Amino acid sequence: MPAQGQSRVPAPDAILYVKGLACPYCAYGLEKKLKKLPFVQEVEVQMDEGRVLVAFRKGQRPEPTEFEALVARVVKEAGFTLEKVAYPVG
C-alpha cells in the first residue's frame, strides 16, 4: 500500500469512473479482477473519488473499444457500474 498521498499509478493510461465503490473489500475484489487482464500492469482504486486508475504493461496498450468492452464486463461482474472511461493526455 502506498504511503499517504502517494499513488501506485502516478501516470494512469486509463481512468475508470465506477459507480458503487463504497466497500473497501469489494473495491479490492474489483482491483484483483482488473489485474488479471493480460495488458494491465497496475490498478489503484480511489474509492472516495469513484475512480480506478489503470496502467498498461509496456507495449501492450489495447484498442479503446476492446478495453472499454472488457472492463465494462469485469466491472459489472464485480457488482459495480462503469460510468465512463477517460484516457489522460501526457
N, C-alpha and C. Protein backbone atom coordinates (compact mmCIF):
# COMPACT_ATOMS: atom_id res chain seq x y z
N MET A 1 0.85 -1.19 0.00
CA MET A 1 0.00 0.00 0.00
C MET A 1 0.89 1.24 0.00
N PRO A 2 0.62 2.20 -0.87
CA PRO A 2 1.47 3.39 -0.93
C PRO A 2 1.29 4.25 0.30
N ALA A 3 2.32 5.05 0.58
CA ALA A 3 2.24 5.97 1.71
C ALA A 3 1.16 7.01 1.43
N GLN A 4 0.69 7.65 2.49
CA GLN A 4 -0.36 8.66 2.36
C GLN A 4 0.02 9.70 1.32
N GLY A 5 -0.86 9.95 0.37
CA GLY A 5 -0.62 10.96 -0.64
C GLY A 5 0.13 10.45 -1.86
N GLN A 6 0.64 9.21 -1.80
CA GLN A 6 1.35 8.65 -2.94
C GLN A 6 0.42 7.74 -3.71
N SER A 7 0.62 7.70 -5.01
CA SER A 7 -0.22 6.87 -5.86
C SER A 7 0.62 5.73 -6.42
N ARG A 8 0.01 4.53 -6.50
CA ARG A 8 0.67 3.40 -7.15
C ARG A 8 0.66 3.59 -8.66
N VAL A 9 -0.26 4.42 -9.14
CA VAL A 9 -0.39 4.68 -10.58
C VAL A 9 -0.30 6.20 -10.77
N PRO A 10 0.91 6.77 -10.69
CA PRO A 10 1.05 8.23 -10.78
C PRO A 10 0.70 8.79 -12.16
N ALA A 11 0.84 7.98 -13.23
CA ALA A 11 0.52 8.43 -14.58
C ALA A 11 -0.35 7.37 -15.25
N PRO A 12 -1.65 7.34 -14.92
CA PRO A 12 -2.51 6.28 -15.46
C PRO A 12 -2.69 6.38 -16.97
N ASP A 13 -2.82 5.22 -17.60
CA ASP A 13 -3.13 5.16 -19.03
C ASP A 13 -4.63 5.28 -19.25
N ALA A 14 -5.41 4.87 -18.25
CA ALA A 14 -6.87 4.97 -18.33
C ALA A 14 -7.42 5.22 -16.93
N ILE A 15 -8.51 5.95 -16.89
CA ILE A 15 -9.22 6.18 -15.63
C ILE A 15 -10.64 5.68 -15.82
N LEU A 16 -11.04 4.75 -14.97
CA LEU A 16 -12.40 4.21 -15.00
C LEU A 16 -13.21 4.96 -13.94
N TYR A 17 -14.35 5.48 -14.32
CA TYR A 17 -15.25 6.11 -13.37
C TYR A 17 -16.32 5.07 -13.05
N VAL A 18 -16.33 4.64 -11.80
CA VAL A 18 -17.14 3.50 -11.38
C VAL A 18 -18.12 3.92 -10.29
N LYS A 19 -19.36 3.55 -10.48
CA LYS A 19 -20.42 3.86 -9.51
C LYS A 19 -20.57 2.69 -8.54
N GLY A 20 -20.64 3.00 -7.25
CA GLY A 20 -20.90 1.97 -6.25
C GLY A 20 -19.70 1.53 -5.44
N LEU A 21 -18.59 2.25 -5.54
CA LEU A 21 -17.38 1.87 -4.78
C LEU A 21 -17.51 2.35 -3.34
N ALA A 22 -18.23 1.60 -2.51
CA ALA A 22 -18.47 2.03 -1.14
C ALA A 22 -17.73 1.17 -0.12
N CYS A 23 -17.44 -0.07 -0.45
CA CYS A 23 -16.86 -1.03 0.49
C CYS A 23 -15.42 -1.33 0.09
N PRO A 24 -14.46 -1.14 0.99
CA PRO A 24 -13.06 -1.42 0.66
C PRO A 24 -12.82 -2.87 0.21
N TYR A 25 -13.50 -3.79 0.82
CA TYR A 25 -13.31 -5.20 0.46
C TYR A 25 -13.78 -5.45 -0.97
N CYS A 26 -14.93 -4.89 -1.32
CA CYS A 26 -15.46 -5.05 -2.68
C CYS A 26 -14.58 -4.35 -3.70
N ALA A 27 -14.08 -3.16 -3.35
CA ALA A 27 -13.20 -2.42 -4.24
C ALA A 27 -11.92 -3.22 -4.49
N TYR A 28 -11.42 -3.89 -3.46
CA TYR A 28 -10.23 -4.73 -3.61
C TYR A 28 -10.52 -5.90 -4.55
N GLY A 29 -11.72 -6.44 -4.48
CA GLY A 29 -12.12 -7.52 -5.38
C GLY A 29 -12.09 -7.06 -6.84
N LEU A 30 -12.56 -5.83 -7.08
CA LEU A 30 -12.52 -5.27 -8.43
C LEU A 30 -11.07 -5.10 -8.88
N GLU A 31 -10.24 -4.60 -8.00
CA GLU A 31 -8.82 -4.41 -8.31
C GLU A 31 -8.18 -5.73 -8.72
N LYS A 32 -8.45 -6.78 -7.98
CA LYS A 32 -7.88 -8.10 -8.29
C LYS A 32 -8.35 -8.60 -9.66
N LYS A 33 -9.63 -8.40 -9.98
CA LYS A 33 -10.17 -8.85 -11.28
C LYS A 33 -9.52 -8.07 -12.43
N LEU A 34 -9.36 -6.78 -12.25
CA LEU A 34 -8.75 -5.97 -13.31
C LEU A 34 -7.28 -6.33 -13.52
N LYS A 35 -6.59 -6.65 -12.43
CA LYS A 35 -5.17 -7.01 -12.55
C LYS A 35 -4.96 -8.33 -13.30
N LYS A 36 -6.00 -9.13 -13.41
CA LYS A 36 -5.89 -10.40 -14.14
C LYS A 36 -5.91 -10.19 -15.65
N LEU A 37 -6.32 -9.01 -16.11
CA LEU A 37 -6.33 -8.75 -17.55
C LEU A 37 -4.88 -8.72 -18.04
N PRO A 38 -4.61 -9.35 -19.19
CA PRO A 38 -3.22 -9.54 -19.63
C PRO A 38 -2.44 -8.27 -19.89
N PHE A 39 -3.09 -7.17 -20.23
CA PHE A 39 -2.38 -5.94 -20.58
C PHE A 39 -2.30 -4.96 -19.41
N VAL A 40 -2.84 -5.33 -18.24
CA VAL A 40 -2.86 -4.42 -17.09
C VAL A 40 -1.64 -4.67 -16.21
N GLN A 41 -0.88 -3.60 -15.97
CA GLN A 41 0.30 -3.66 -15.11
C GLN A 41 -0.07 -3.37 -13.65
N GLU A 42 -0.82 -2.28 -13.45
CA GLU A 42 -1.14 -1.84 -12.10
C GLU A 42 -2.52 -1.22 -12.06
N VAL A 43 -3.17 -1.34 -10.91
CA VAL A 43 -4.51 -0.79 -10.69
C VAL A 43 -4.53 -0.11 -9.33
N GLU A 44 -5.18 1.03 -9.27
CA GLU A 44 -5.37 1.71 -7.99
C GLU A 44 -6.81 2.18 -7.90
N VAL A 45 -7.54 1.68 -6.91
CA VAL A 45 -8.92 2.09 -6.70
C VAL A 45 -8.93 3.29 -5.75
N GLN A 46 -9.56 4.37 -6.19
CA GLN A 46 -9.73 5.56 -5.36
C GLN A 46 -11.22 5.64 -5.01
N MET A 47 -11.57 4.94 -3.93
CA MET A 47 -12.98 4.80 -3.55
C MET A 47 -13.70 6.13 -3.37
N ASP A 48 -13.09 7.07 -2.68
CA ASP A 48 -13.75 8.34 -2.38
C ASP A 48 -14.08 9.13 -3.65
N GLU A 49 -13.24 8.99 -4.68
CA GLU A 49 -13.46 9.71 -5.93
C GLU A 49 -14.28 8.89 -6.93
N GLY A 50 -14.49 7.60 -6.64
CA GLY A 50 -15.21 6.74 -7.57
C GLY A 50 -14.42 6.47 -8.84
N ARG A 51 -13.09 6.41 -8.68
CA ARG A 51 -12.22 6.22 -9.83
C ARG A 51 -11.33 5.00 -9.65
N VAL A 52 -10.95 4.43 -10.78
CA VAL A 52 -9.97 3.35 -10.79
C VAL A 52 -8.91 3.74 -11.81
N LEU A 53 -7.67 3.88 -11.34
CA LEU A 53 -6.55 4.23 -12.21
C LEU A 53 -5.94 2.94 -12.74
N VAL A 54 -5.67 2.90 -14.03
CA VAL A 54 -5.12 1.70 -14.66
C VAL A 54 -3.86 2.07 -15.44
N ALA A 55 -2.80 1.30 -15.23
CA ALA A 55 -1.56 1.44 -16.01
C ALA A 55 -1.41 0.17 -16.84
N PHE A 56 -1.16 0.34 -18.13
CA PHE A 56 -0.97 -0.81 -19.02
C PHE A 56 0.47 -1.28 -18.99
N ARG A 57 0.66 -2.55 -19.30
CA ARG A 57 2.01 -3.09 -19.45
C ARG A 57 2.66 -2.40 -20.64
N LYS A 58 3.96 -2.21 -20.55
CA LYS A 58 4.71 -1.55 -21.61
C LYS A 58 4.50 -2.30 -22.94
N GLY A 59 4.10 -1.55 -23.96
CA GLY A 59 3.91 -2.12 -25.28
C GLY A 59 2.64 -2.94 -25.44
N GLN A 60 1.74 -2.91 -24.45
CA GLN A 60 0.53 -3.73 -24.52
C GLN A 60 -0.74 -2.88 -24.36
N ARG A 61 -0.77 -1.74 -25.01
CA ARG A 61 -1.94 -0.86 -24.92
C ARG A 61 -3.06 -1.42 -25.81
N PRO A 62 -4.19 -1.79 -25.23
CA PRO A 62 -5.30 -2.33 -26.02
C PRO A 62 -6.02 -1.23 -26.80
N GLU A 63 -6.78 -1.62 -27.80
CA GLU A 63 -7.63 -0.68 -28.53
C GLU A 63 -8.70 -0.18 -27.55
N PRO A 64 -9.03 1.11 -27.59
CA PRO A 64 -10.02 1.66 -26.65
C PRO A 64 -11.35 0.91 -26.64
N THR A 65 -11.91 0.56 -27.80
CA THR A 65 -13.21 -0.11 -27.80
C THR A 65 -13.11 -1.50 -27.18
N GLU A 66 -12.02 -2.21 -27.45
CA GLU A 66 -11.80 -3.53 -26.85
C GLU A 66 -11.65 -3.40 -25.34
N PHE A 67 -10.83 -2.43 -24.91
CA PHE A 67 -10.59 -2.21 -23.49
C PHE A 67 -11.88 -1.86 -22.77
N GLU A 68 -12.65 -0.95 -23.32
CA GLU A 68 -13.88 -0.48 -22.66
C GLU A 68 -14.91 -1.60 -22.55
N ALA A 69 -15.04 -2.42 -23.58
CA ALA A 69 -15.98 -3.54 -23.52
C ALA A 69 -15.55 -4.54 -22.46
N LEU A 70 -14.26 -4.82 -22.40
CA LEU A 70 -13.73 -5.79 -21.44
C LEU A 70 -13.88 -5.29 -20.01
N VAL A 71 -13.49 -4.05 -19.75
CA VAL A 71 -13.60 -3.55 -18.37
C VAL A 71 -15.05 -3.35 -17.95
N ALA A 72 -15.92 -3.02 -18.90
CA ALA A 72 -17.34 -2.89 -18.56
C ALA A 72 -17.86 -4.22 -18.04
N ARG A 73 -17.46 -5.31 -18.69
CA ARG A 73 -17.90 -6.63 -18.25
C ARG A 73 -17.30 -6.98 -16.87
N VAL A 74 -16.01 -6.72 -16.69
CA VAL A 74 -15.35 -7.03 -15.41
C VAL A 74 -15.98 -6.21 -14.28
N VAL A 75 -16.21 -4.93 -14.53
CA VAL A 75 -16.81 -4.05 -13.50
C VAL A 75 -18.21 -4.53 -13.15
N LYS A 76 -18.99 -4.90 -14.16
CA LYS A 76 -20.36 -5.38 -13.92
C LYS A 76 -20.34 -6.69 -13.12
N GLU A 77 -19.45 -7.61 -13.50
CA GLU A 77 -19.34 -8.88 -12.78
C GLU A 77 -18.93 -8.68 -11.34
N ALA A 78 -18.18 -7.60 -11.06
CA ALA A 78 -17.77 -7.31 -9.68
C ALA A 78 -18.87 -6.60 -8.90
N GLY A 79 -19.98 -6.26 -9.57
CA GLY A 79 -21.12 -5.67 -8.87
C GLY A 79 -21.17 -4.15 -8.92
N PHE A 80 -20.42 -3.54 -9.84
CA PHE A 80 -20.38 -2.09 -9.95
C PHE A 80 -20.87 -1.66 -11.32
N THR A 81 -20.98 -0.35 -11.53
CA THR A 81 -21.41 0.19 -12.81
C THR A 81 -20.31 1.09 -13.37
N LEU A 82 -19.88 0.79 -14.58
CA LEU A 82 -18.89 1.62 -15.25
C LEU A 82 -19.62 2.80 -15.88
N GLU A 83 -19.28 4.01 -15.44
CA GLU A 83 -19.92 5.20 -15.98
C GLU A 83 -19.21 5.70 -17.23
N LYS A 84 -17.89 5.74 -17.19
CA LYS A 84 -17.13 6.16 -18.36
C LYS A 84 -15.66 5.79 -18.19
N VAL A 85 -14.94 5.86 -19.30
CA VAL A 85 -13.50 5.62 -19.32
C VAL A 85 -12.85 6.85 -19.91
N ALA A 86 -11.82 7.36 -19.26
CA ALA A 86 -11.08 8.51 -19.76
C ALA A 86 -9.63 8.09 -19.98
N TYR A 87 -9.02 8.73 -20.96
CA TYR A 87 -7.62 8.46 -21.29
C TYR A 87 -6.85 9.78 -21.12
N PRO A 88 -6.13 9.92 -20.01
CA PRO A 88 -5.39 11.16 -19.76
C PRO A 88 -4.34 11.42 -20.85
N VAL A 89 -4.15 12.65 -21.17
CA VAL A 89 -3.14 13.03 -22.15
C VAL A 89 -1.84 13.31 -21.39
N GLY A 90 -0.74 12.79 -21.94
CA GLY A 90 0.54 13.09 -21.31
C GLY A 90 1.31 11.96 -20.91
